[in-house]
């Protein structure tokens, strides 16, 4: 953190220094401080797609899903090929109980990054929430194919089998 502070002291117009310090604050669970740094990074560089995306993550951590969606929308507008922004927006839609919209975002995230097990896992969770257990099962199968150590996928896959009456 001290190095980011020093970088900002020496060059207060360095958007990347604010952005990276924001990541550190978020990792420490200090999302309010992270948002302040992402705000400054965006003020200095309004087209900083990653700063919009990460500010959205911090807003989501604070339970402000609509604000997070607004940031993900902007990140996607600035960089429509950023799988993480679609994935993150899907998570916020899922938090809001909008599983169909979440699935659409997970679909796009998977299209852009077909090797991300978390996108399959979360899409499978949304399918499960909608009672589409076979589709959930397929996504959890893909999750464990991509990451055999993804414990949560095994758990939810077991739930899918149970919901399908397959014990």
Foldseek 3Di string as FASTA:
>chain_A
DVVLVVVCVVPVLPLVSLQVVLVVCVVVVNLVSSLVSLVSSCVSPVLPLVSLQVNLVSCVVVVNLVSSLVSLVSSCVSPVLDLSSLQSNLVSCVVVVNLVSSLVSLVSSCVSPVLDLVSLQVNLVSCVVVVNLVSSLVSLVSSCVSPVPPVVSVVVNVVSCVSVVHD
